[in-house]
Amino acid sequence: MSIPQISPVEAKRHLDAGTAVLIDIREPAEHARENIADARLVPLSRLGPDEFAHERATATSVIFHCQSGNRTCMNFDKLEAAGLPDAFVLEGGLGAWKEAGLPTRLDRKQPIELQRQVMIAAGSLILTGLILGYIFSPWFIALSAFMAADWCLQACQAGGGLAKLLTLMPWNKFAAGKT
């Protein structure tokens, strides 16, 4: 099955004409940091059966988006199961929207996305372990090995220990409560 995609410029035309609605399927913390003004937040993790009753009733086209388009494409069958008349994926997601010069709302007071936090923390700990291992003792390399294992766990199970730890941090608790 071919997933119907729409370019950011074409999506903006439909939104301006009122012939489509934009649905952001990212998580609340991601949406709080940066979003498209006209997008309605419907996190993929909380998607319910009656979430799109209005769109079904009005036969309005729906354009789904995430950060890069990958998450939306991978879950399009779940989104399509909502029974919408015309459903599209924003090609390239929020990143392509910004590259096309289209406006977003950015709140720098909100924390960066959890995945980026994990990458920054894990990369820093791996580098620290290697430097300490080189300077002081090879046993510090175990820190790097532990973080590499956590990254593998994160990739295989969609949530390693570091990601879970970071969700407990106060800056992430505040953002996750905001929608």
Protein backbone atom coordinates (compact mmCIF):
# COMPACT_ATOMS: atom_id res chain seq x y z
CA MET A 1 0.00 0.00 0.00
CA SER A 2 1.27 3.43 -0.91
CA ILE A 3 1.02 6.03 1.84
CA PRO A 4 -0.44 9.25 0.46
CA GLN A 5 1.94 12.11 1.20
CA ILE A 6 1.46 15.83 0.75
CA SER A 7 4.16 18.49 0.55
CA PRO A 8 4.31 21.18 3.23
CA VAL A 9 3.45 23.93 0.73
CA GLU A 10 0.43 22.02 -0.58
CA ALA A 11 -0.65 21.21 2.99
CA LYS A 12 -0.47 24.91 3.89
CA ARG A 13 -2.69 25.73 0.89
CA HIS A 14 -5.30 23.22 2.07
CA LEU A 15 -5.14 24.53 5.64
CA ASP A 16 -5.53 28.14 4.50
CA ALA A 17 -8.49 27.18 2.29
CA GLY A 18 -10.12 25.31 5.18
CA THR A 19 -10.28 22.04 3.25
CA ALA A 20 -8.04 20.10 5.66
CA VAL A 21 -7.06 19.88 9.29
CA LEU A 22 -3.56 19.20 10.57
CA ILE A 23 -3.08 16.59 13.30
CA ASP A 24 0.19 16.44 15.27
CA ILE A 25 0.72 12.84 16.48
CA ARG A 26 3.82 13.62 18.56
CA GLU A 27 3.81 13.50 22.35
CA PRO A 28 2.72 16.54 24.41
CA ALA A 29 6.28 17.45 25.46
CA GLU A 30 7.41 17.51 21.80
CA HIS A 31 4.40 19.58 20.80
CA ALA A 32 4.94 22.02 23.70
CA ARG A 33 8.50 22.78 22.54
CA GLU A 34 7.62 23.50 18.90
CA ASN A 35 4.46 23.15 16.87
CA ILE A 36 2.54 24.34 13.86
CA ALA A 37 -0.05 26.89 14.99
CA ASP A 38 -3.00 25.25 13.23
CA ALA A 39 -2.16 21.68 14.28
CA ARG A 40 -4.38 19.81 16.73
CA LEU A 41 -2.46 17.57 19.13
CA VAL A 42 -3.59 13.92 19.11
CA PRO A 43 -0.66 11.90 20.50
CA LEU A 44 -0.28 8.54 18.82
CA SER A 45 0.16 6.91 22.24
CA ARG A 46 -3.28 8.14 23.35
CA LEU A 47 -5.17 7.68 20.10
CA GLY A 48 -8.76 6.63 20.82
CA PRO A 49 -11.48 5.23 18.53
CA ASP A 50 -13.61 8.40 18.56
CA GLU A 51 -10.76 10.88 18.24
CA PHE A 52 -11.71 11.94 14.70
CA ALA A 53 -15.53 11.95 14.92
CA HIS A 54 -15.74 15.58 13.77
CA GLU A 55 -13.48 15.02 10.77
CA ARG A 56 -15.46 11.90 9.74
CA ALA A 57 -18.76 13.79 10.06
CA THR A 58 -17.57 16.78 8.01
CA ALA A 59 -15.58 14.71 5.47
CA THR A 60 -12.64 17.03 6.07
CA SER A 61 -9.25 15.90 4.80
CA VAL A 62 -6.77 15.14 7.54
CA ILE A 63 -3.03 15.65 7.31
CA PHE A 64 -1.02 13.84 9.97
CA HIS A 65 2.47 14.92 10.96
CA CYS A 66 5.26 14.10 13.37
CA GLN A 67 8.84 15.38 13.60
CA SER A 68 10.29 13.84 10.44
CA GLY A 69 7.43 11.88 8.88
CA ASN A 70 8.86 8.46 9.83
CA ARG A 71 6.68 7.86 12.89
CA THR A 72 3.56 8.84 10.94
CA CYS A 73 4.40 6.57 8.01
CA MET A 74 5.23 3.64 10.30
CA ASN A 75 1.85 4.00 12.05
CA PHE A 76 -0.28 5.03 9.09
CA ASP A 77 -2.33 1.81 9.21
CA LYS A 78 -3.36 2.68 12.78
CA LEU A 79 -4.28 6.22 11.72
CA GLU A 80 -6.08 5.03 8.60
CA ALA A 81 -8.14 2.62 10.74
CA ALA A 82 -9.89 5.68 12.18
CA GLY A 83 -11.99 5.65 8.98
CA LEU A 84 -11.18 9.12 7.72
CA PRO A 85 -12.29 10.04 4.19
CA ASP A 86 -8.99 11.52 3.03
CA ALA A 87 -5.89 11.00 5.15
CA PHE A 88 -2.42 12.19 4.22
CA VAL A 89 1.04 12.30 5.77
CA LEU A 90 2.93 15.58 5.79
CA GLU A 91 5.99 14.71 3.74
CA GLY A 92 9.10 15.23 5.87
CA GLY A 93 7.07 16.21 8.95
CA LEU A 94 7.75 19.31 11.01
CA GLY A 95 11.34 19.46 9.75
CA ALA A 96 10.23 19.78 6.11
CA TRP A 97 7.57 22.32 7.14
CA LYS A 98 10.31 24.52 8.61
CA GLU A 99 12.65 23.93 5.64
CA ALA A 100 9.87 25.20 3.36
CA GLY A 101 9.95 28.46 5.34
CA LEU A 102 6.55 27.92 6.91
CA PRO A 103 5.92 29.27 10.42
CA THR A 104 6.05 27.34 13.68
CA ARG A 105 5.60 28.31 17.30
CA LEU A 106 8.74 27.70 19.36
CA ASP A 107 8.74 27.83 23.16
CA ARG A 108 12.36 27.71 24.29
CA LYS A 109 11.22 27.44 27.91
CA GLN A 110 10.07 23.88 27.19
CA PRO A 111 12.64 21.08 27.31
CA ILE A 112 14.05 19.60 24.12
CA GLU A 113 12.63 16.29 22.90
CA LEU A 114 13.36 13.28 25.10
CA GLN A 115 15.19 11.45 22.31
CA ARG A 116 17.60 14.37 21.91
CA GLN A 117 18.10 14.48 25.69
CA VAL A 118 18.97 10.77 25.65
CA MET A 119 21.43 11.24 22.79
CA ILE A 120 23.13 14.19 24.53
CA ALA A 121 23.35 12.43 27.91
CA ALA A 122 24.45 9.07 26.52
CA GLY A 123 27.01 10.61 24.18
CA SER A 124 28.42 12.68 27.02
CA LEU A 125 28.65 9.68 29.34
CA ILE A 126 30.29 7.52 26.67
CA LEU A 127 32.86 10.23 25.94
CA THR A 128 33.45 10.78 29.68
CA GLY A 129 33.99 7.04 30.22
CA LEU A 130 36.50 6.89 27.37
CA ILE A 131 38.44 9.96 28.56
CA LEU A 132 38.52 8.77 32.18
CA GLY A 133 39.49 5.29 30.98
CA TYR A 134 42.40 6.72 29.00
CA ILE A 135 43.60 9.09 31.75
CA PHE A 136 42.94 7.17 35.00
CA SER A 137 41.89 3.56 34.68
CA PRO A 138 40.58 1.27 31.95
CA TRP A 139 37.75 0.35 34.31
CA PHE A 140 36.04 3.65 33.44
CA ILE A 141 35.46 2.24 29.96
CA ALA A 142 32.71 0.16 31.61
CA LEU A 143 30.68 3.39 31.76
CA SER A 144 30.92 3.64 27.98
CA ALA A 145 29.98 -0.02 27.59
CA PHE A 146 26.98 0.44 29.88
CA MET A 147 25.72 3.43 27.88
CA ALA A 148 26.22 1.59 24.57
CA ALA A 149 24.16 -1.31 25.96
CA ASP A 150 21.45 1.13 27.07
CA TRP A 151 21.32 2.62 23.56
CA CYS A 152 20.84 -0.88 22.14
CA LEU A 153 18.09 -1.54 24.68
CA GLN A 154 16.48 1.78 23.77
CA ALA A 155 16.48 0.87 20.08
CA CYS A 156 15.12 -2.66 20.63
CA GLN A 157 12.49 -1.91 23.25
CA ALA A 158 11.72 1.76 22.58
CA GLY A 159 12.74 2.88 26.03
CA GLY A 160 16.05 2.15 27.72
CA GLY A 161 17.00 3.00 31.28
CA LEU A 162 18.37 6.43 30.49
CA ALA A 163 15.14 7.45 28.72
CA LYS A 164 13.12 6.29 31.72
CA LEU A 165 15.43 8.17 34.07
CA LEU A 166 15.19 11.35 32.01
CA THR A 167 11.37 11.24 32.04
CA LEU A 168 11.60 11.52 35.84
CA MET A 169 13.58 14.76 35.69
CA PRO A 170 11.64 17.84 36.87
CA TRP A 171 11.90 19.70 33.54
CA ASN A 172 10.26 16.76 31.73
CA LYS A 173 7.50 16.29 34.32
CA PHE A 174 6.45 19.91 33.86
CA ALA A 175 6.39 19.70 30.07
CA ALA A 176 4.60 16.34 29.93
CA GLY A 177 1.75 17.75 32.01
CA LYS A 178 1.19 20.55 29.51
CA THR A 179 -0.89 19.91 26.42
